[in-house]
Amino acid sequence: MTCGHCVAAVSAEIGAIEGVRDVRVTLETGAVAVDSDAPLDRDAVAAAVDEAGYTLA
């Protein structure tokens, strides 16, 4: 990720997953922290990140 638009895109895609309450993306490291009502399916998160144009590491 290289800019605020990238952060917004990843945040929006992950935020659209059912049960997600908050998404925090750190541009400098590419780290993402997610608060959710229940454990999230890794494949769903990976698909959301992919939809934003990135790959979950």
Protein backbone atom coordinates (compact mmCIF):
# COMPACT_ATOMS: atom_id res chain seq x y z
CA MET A 1 0.00 0.00 0.00
CA THR A 2 1.27 3.42 -0.87
CA CYS A 3 -1.39 5.99 0.06
CA GLY A 4 -4.51 6.87 2.01
CA HIS A 5 -6.70 5.64 -0.85
CA CYS A 6 -5.13 2.20 -0.46
CA VAL A 7 -5.89 2.24 3.27
CA ALA A 8 -9.47 3.31 2.58
CA ALA A 9 -9.98 0.56 -0.02
CA VAL A 10 -8.71 -2.20 2.27
CA SER A 11 -10.67 -0.80 5.22
CA ALA A 12 -13.88 -0.65 3.20
CA GLU A 13 -13.60 -4.19 1.84
CA ILE A 14 -12.80 -5.75 5.20
CA GLY A 15 -15.37 -3.54 6.91
CA ALA A 16 -18.06 -4.99 4.64
CA ILE A 17 -17.59 -8.48 6.12
CA GLU A 18 -20.50 -9.35 8.38
CA GLY A 19 -19.67 -8.86 12.04
CA VAL A 20 -16.73 -6.49 11.54
CA ARG A 21 -16.99 -3.54 13.93
CA ASP A 22 -13.70 -1.71 13.27
CA VAL A 23 -10.75 -1.89 10.87
CA ARG A 24 -7.41 -0.16 11.46
CA VAL A 25 -4.82 -0.21 8.69
CA THR A 26 -1.27 1.01 9.26
CA LEU A 27 0.07 2.33 5.97
CA GLU A 28 3.74 2.18 6.95
CA THR A 29 3.72 -1.53 7.82
CA GLY A 30 0.70 -2.79 5.90
CA ALA A 31 -0.67 -4.26 9.13
CA VAL A 32 -4.41 -4.58 9.60
CA ALA A 33 -6.20 -4.91 12.94
CA VAL A 34 -9.85 -5.92 12.95
CA ASP A 35 -12.41 -5.91 15.75
CA SER A 36 -15.34 -8.22 15.12
CA ASP A 37 -18.30 -9.76 16.91
CA ALA A 38 -16.94 -13.26 16.28
CA PRO A 39 -13.84 -14.89 14.80
CA LEU A 40 -13.53 -14.14 11.10
CA ASP A 41 -13.01 -16.69 8.37
CA ARG A 42 -9.48 -16.21 7.01
CA ASP A 43 -10.68 -16.90 3.46
CA ALA A 44 -13.28 -14.13 3.74
CA VAL A 45 -10.64 -11.65 4.92
CA ALA A 46 -8.23 -12.77 2.19
CA ALA A 47 -10.97 -12.33 -0.44
CA ALA A 48 -11.75 -8.83 0.85
CA VAL A 49 -8.08 -7.84 0.75
CA ASP A 50 -7.80 -9.32 -2.76
CA GLU A 51 -10.86 -7.33 -3.87
CA ALA A 52 -9.05 -4.18 -2.74
CA GLY A 53 -6.11 -5.17 -4.96
CA TYR A 54 -3.74 -6.62 -2.37
CA THR A 55 -2.69 -10.00 -0.99
CA LEU A 56 -3.10 -11.12 2.60
CA ALA A 57 0.28 -12.21 3.93
